[in-house]
Protein backbone atom coordinates (compact mmCIF):
# COMPACT_ATOMS: atom_id res chain seq x y z
CA MET A 1 39.36 -77.03 125.11
CA VAL A 2 41.15 -75.91 128.22
CA ALA A 3 43.98 -77.66 129.91
CA ASN A 4 44.74 -77.12 133.37
CA TYR A 5 48.33 -77.80 134.48
CA ALA A 6 48.80 -75.68 137.56
CA GLU A 7 49.78 -77.29 140.76
CA SER A 8 49.22 -76.07 144.47
CA GLY A 9 52.39 -74.64 146.17
CA GLU A 10 54.40 -74.43 142.93
CA THR A 11 57.50 -71.68 142.05
CA LEU A 12 58.66 -71.31 138.39
CA LYS A 13 61.74 -73.24 139.49
CA ALA A 14 59.68 -76.07 141.00
CA PHE A 15 57.52 -76.30 137.85
CA GLU A 16 60.55 -77.04 135.85
CA ASP A 17 62.80 -78.82 138.77
CA ARG A 18 59.77 -81.32 138.49
CA HIS A 19 59.21 -81.70 134.70
CA ARG A 20 56.03 -80.12 134.69
CA ILE A 21 56.72 -77.38 131.95
CA ASP A 22 58.74 -80.02 130.12
CA LYS A 23 55.13 -81.89 129.73
CA ILE A 24 53.50 -78.65 128.47
CA TRP A 25 56.07 -78.63 125.79
CA THR A 26 55.68 -81.83 124.63
CA GLN A 27 51.91 -81.44 124.58
CA ILE A 28 51.32 -78.24 123.20
CA LYS A 29 50.53 -77.63 119.54
CA PRO A 30 50.86 -74.53 117.19
CA GLY A 31 48.34 -72.00 117.78
CA ASP A 32 47.76 -72.83 121.25
CA TYR A 33 47.42 -70.26 123.84
CA LEU A 34 49.39 -70.39 127.27
CA PHE A 35 48.38 -69.00 130.38
CA ILE A 36 51.33 -67.84 132.75
CA GLN A 37 50.81 -66.86 136.14
CA PHE A 38 53.26 -67.12 139.02
CA GLY A 39 54.39 -65.29 142.23
CA HIS A 40 52.69 -66.10 145.34
CA ASN A 41 55.16 -69.02 145.83
CA ASP A 42 57.84 -67.61 144.30
CA GLN A 43 58.33 -64.14 146.34
CA LYS A 44 59.40 -66.91 149.28
CA TYR A 45 62.64 -67.03 147.75
CA GLY A 46 63.02 -62.97 147.11
CA ASN A 47 62.32 -60.57 144.62
CA SER A 48 61.53 -61.13 141.05
CA GLU A 49 65.17 -61.00 140.17
CA LYS A 50 66.65 -62.94 143.09
CA SER A 51 64.08 -65.34 142.66
CA GLY A 52 65.38 -66.24 139.20
CA TYR A 53 61.51 -65.36 137.96
CA ARG A 54 62.52 -63.04 135.63
CA LYS A 55 64.87 -65.01 133.50
CA ARG A 56 62.80 -68.12 133.83
CA LEU A 57 59.39 -66.56 132.79
CA LYS A 58 61.31 -64.65 129.47
CA GLU A 59 62.86 -68.69 128.83
CA TRP A 60 59.19 -70.04 128.85
CA ILE A 61 58.04 -67.05 126.65
CA GLN A 62 60.37 -67.60 124.39
CA LYS A 63 60.02 -71.58 124.08
CA ALA A 64 56.52 -71.34 123.68
CA LYS A 65 56.98 -68.99 120.68
CA GLN A 66 59.48 -71.43 119.35
CA LEU A 67 57.01 -73.99 119.45
CA GLY A 68 54.04 -71.67 117.99
CA ALA A 69 52.48 -71.49 120.72
CA VAL A 70 50.55 -67.54 121.73
CA PRO A 71 52.05 -67.17 125.39
CA VAL A 72 49.68 -64.98 127.72
CA LEU A 73 51.35 -63.69 130.87
CA VAL A 74 48.77 -63.26 133.86
CA THR A 75 49.85 -61.07 137.08
CA SER A 76 48.81 -62.46 140.32
CA MET A 77 45.94 -61.41 141.86
CA ASN A 78 45.76 -60.04 145.32
CA ARG A 79 45.52 -61.46 148.68
CA ARG A 80 42.81 -60.37 151.14
CA VAL A 81 44.52 -57.81 153.05
CA PHE A 82 43.07 -54.27 153.22
CA ASP A 83 44.52 -51.19 154.98
CA GLU A 84 42.73 -48.82 157.27
CA ASN A 85 40.83 -47.11 154.33
CA ASN A 86 39.56 -50.51 153.29
CA LYS A 87 41.88 -50.37 150.24
CA ILE A 88 43.68 -53.35 149.02
CA VAL A 89 47.55 -53.61 150.21
CA ASN A 90 50.14 -55.56 147.76
CA THR A 91 51.74 -58.22 149.45
CA LEU A 92 53.25 -59.46 146.36
CA ASP A 93 56.74 -57.48 146.21
CA ASP A 94 57.50 -56.45 142.85
CA PHE A 95 56.27 -59.84 141.15
CA PRO A 96 53.05 -57.77 139.45
CA ASP A 97 55.40 -55.09 138.01
CA ALA A 98 58.06 -57.60 136.73
CA VAL A 99 55.26 -59.43 134.75
CA ARG A 100 53.75 -56.10 133.20
CA GLU A 101 57.33 -55.37 132.38
CA ILE A 102 58.17 -58.24 130.62
CA ALA A 103 54.87 -58.66 128.72
CA LYS A 104 56.17 -55.31 127.21
CA GLN A 105 59.99 -56.41 126.64
CA GLU A 106 58.63 -59.38 125.12
CA LYS A 107 55.60 -58.10 123.03
CA VAL A 108 53.24 -60.48 124.70
CA ASP A 109 49.43 -60.17 125.69
CA LEU A 110 48.92 -59.64 129.61
CA ILE A 111 45.54 -60.16 131.63
CA ASP A 112 46.78 -57.79 134.59
CA LEU A 113 44.64 -59.70 137.45
CA ASN A 114 46.63 -57.92 140.30
CA ALA A 115 44.95 -54.80 139.29
CA LEU A 116 41.20 -56.65 138.21
CA SER A 117 41.12 -58.31 141.65
CA LYS A 118 42.18 -55.09 143.36
CA THR A 119 39.03 -53.22 142.04
CA LEU A 120 36.90 -56.40 142.47
CA PHE A 121 38.04 -57.14 146.10
CA GLU A 122 37.56 -53.19 147.03
CA ALA A 123 34.02 -53.43 145.54
CA MET A 124 33.47 -56.33 147.85
CA GLY A 125 34.48 -54.64 150.80
CA THR A 126 36.17 -56.48 153.64
CA GLU A 127 33.35 -58.71 154.77
CA VAL A 128 31.74 -59.59 151.93
CA THR A 129 35.63 -60.79 150.48
CA LYS A 130 35.48 -63.35 152.99
CA LYS A 131 33.03 -65.44 151.25
CA ALA A 132 35.28 -65.47 148.23
CA PHE A 133 38.14 -66.74 150.36
CA VAL A 134 38.66 -70.12 152.87
CA TYR A 135 36.95 -68.60 155.55
CA TYR A 136 34.68 -71.67 156.85
CA ALA A 137 33.51 -72.14 160.75
CA ALA A 138 34.85 -74.92 162.55
CA ASN A 139 33.43 -78.35 161.54
CA THR A 140 32.20 -77.46 158.29
CA TYR A 141 33.88 -80.12 156.51
CA PRO A 142 34.17 -83.19 157.97
CA ARG A 143 37.53 -84.45 159.99
CA TRP A 144 38.53 -80.43 160.00
CA PRO A 145 37.40 -79.34 163.57
CA GLU A 146 39.17 -75.66 163.42
CA ALA A 147 37.55 -72.65 161.88
CA MET A 148 39.63 -71.51 158.39
CA ALA A 149 40.55 -68.16 157.66
CA ASP A 150 42.79 -68.20 154.66
CA ASP A 151 43.47 -64.74 153.17
CA THR A 152 45.16 -66.22 149.99
CA HIS A 153 42.69 -69.02 148.40
CA PHE A 154 39.81 -69.17 147.08
CA ASN A 155 36.49 -71.03 147.17
CA ALA A 156 34.48 -71.65 144.08
CA TYR A 157 32.53 -68.05 144.14
CA GLY A 158 35.66 -66.21 144.52
CA ALA A 159 37.40 -68.38 141.68
CA TYR A 160 34.55 -67.81 139.12
CA GLU A 161 34.78 -64.03 139.99
CA LEU A 162 38.41 -63.87 139.17
CA ALA A 163 37.66 -66.35 136.01
CA LYS A 164 35.20 -63.48 134.85
CA CYS A 165 37.87 -61.11 135.64
CA VAL A 166 40.12 -62.81 132.96
CA VAL A 167 37.30 -63.14 130.45
CA LYS A 168 36.43 -59.77 130.73
CA SER A 169 40.04 -58.78 130.14
CA ILE A 170 40.15 -61.14 127.04
CA VAL A 171 36.88 -59.31 125.49
CA ASP A 172 37.76 -55.81 126.73
CA GLN A 173 41.29 -55.95 125.09
CA LYS A 174 39.89 -57.56 121.72
CA LEU A 175 42.54 -60.12 122.37
CA PRO A 176 42.68 -62.66 119.05
CA LEU A 177 41.23 -65.44 121.77
CA SER A 178 38.05 -62.93 122.37
CA LYS A 179 36.41 -64.99 119.32
CA PHE A 180 36.18 -67.97 121.32
CA VAL A 181 34.04 -66.62 124.09
CA SER A 182 30.72 -67.57 124.01
CA LYS A 183 28.16 -65.37 122.76
CA ASN A 184 25.97 -65.65 125.92
CA TYR A 185 28.74 -63.41 128.09
CA LYS A 186 27.74 -60.42 129.47
CA SER A 187 30.17 -58.03 130.23
CA PHE A 188 31.15 -58.01 133.92
CA ASP A 189 31.59 -54.86 136.06
CA LEU A 190 34.15 -55.21 138.93
CA ASN A 191 32.19 -52.66 140.93
CA LYS A 192 29.20 -54.81 140.82
CA PRO A 193 30.36 -58.40 141.93
CA ASP A 194 27.81 -61.25 141.51
CA ALA A 195 25.66 -61.66 144.63
CA VAL A 196 27.14 -64.06 146.65
CA GLU A 197 24.00 -65.40 147.86
CA LYS A 198 22.36 -65.86 144.21
CA PHE A 199 26.03 -68.22 143.54
CA HIS A 200 25.57 -71.74 143.90
CA TRP A 201 28.48 -74.34 142.75
CA PRO A 202 27.61 -77.85 143.90
CA GLU A 203 30.93 -79.17 145.56
CA SER A 204 32.43 -82.31 144.23
CA ILE A 205 31.75 -85.66 145.86
CA PHE A 206 35.35 -86.48 145.85
CA MET A 207 36.74 -84.80 149.22
CA GLU A 208 39.52 -84.66 151.30
CA SER A 209 40.67 -83.10 154.32
CA LEU A 210 44.41 -82.85 153.55
CA LYS A 211 45.33 -79.53 152.57
CA PRO A 212 47.30 -79.00 149.31
CA ASP A 213 50.63 -77.77 149.42
CA GLY A 214 50.99 -74.07 149.72
CA ASN A 215 47.70 -73.45 151.36
């Protein structure tokens, strides 16, 4: 079972200040896995040191361990920003490296979604990646007359491909969690993303035009 406590637009500090992490501490059980992935919003407040990101991340790891849970760090996925050679540009300052360093220091598992998404997006290319992000023509959705071109947030197809990256990392690293992966799982080749034309995910009947915080 997966419990998703993520909230759009949050930093580590905001997640603490609004007591969202406190709720997790009351719900988590020994043996549970805690996936932690922040960075996009934290960087608005300085680098990983200045923003307090490193300090809080280490505190969360230690707290999870005290409660018998298994923290797993996930580096932030890349934005859709390409250079003149069609290579992904790092727009996340030192945050991905901070997570990698802390994972080593605290001896916790790491899913390097930053590196995985770089390979995935470069394989998709500059145009196909638009199909994975929130790029929609004007009036695609009710009460949203403007065209949407968002290089940070994903649609269902993009989210699905990134989820496959996470599963791939779990399986490839032979993390203990891999025993829970479906037997139907087939290895995911980052250089051969699923064809967007063959992807279908029914949209929710619950829809609103109000954009979430951070989007």
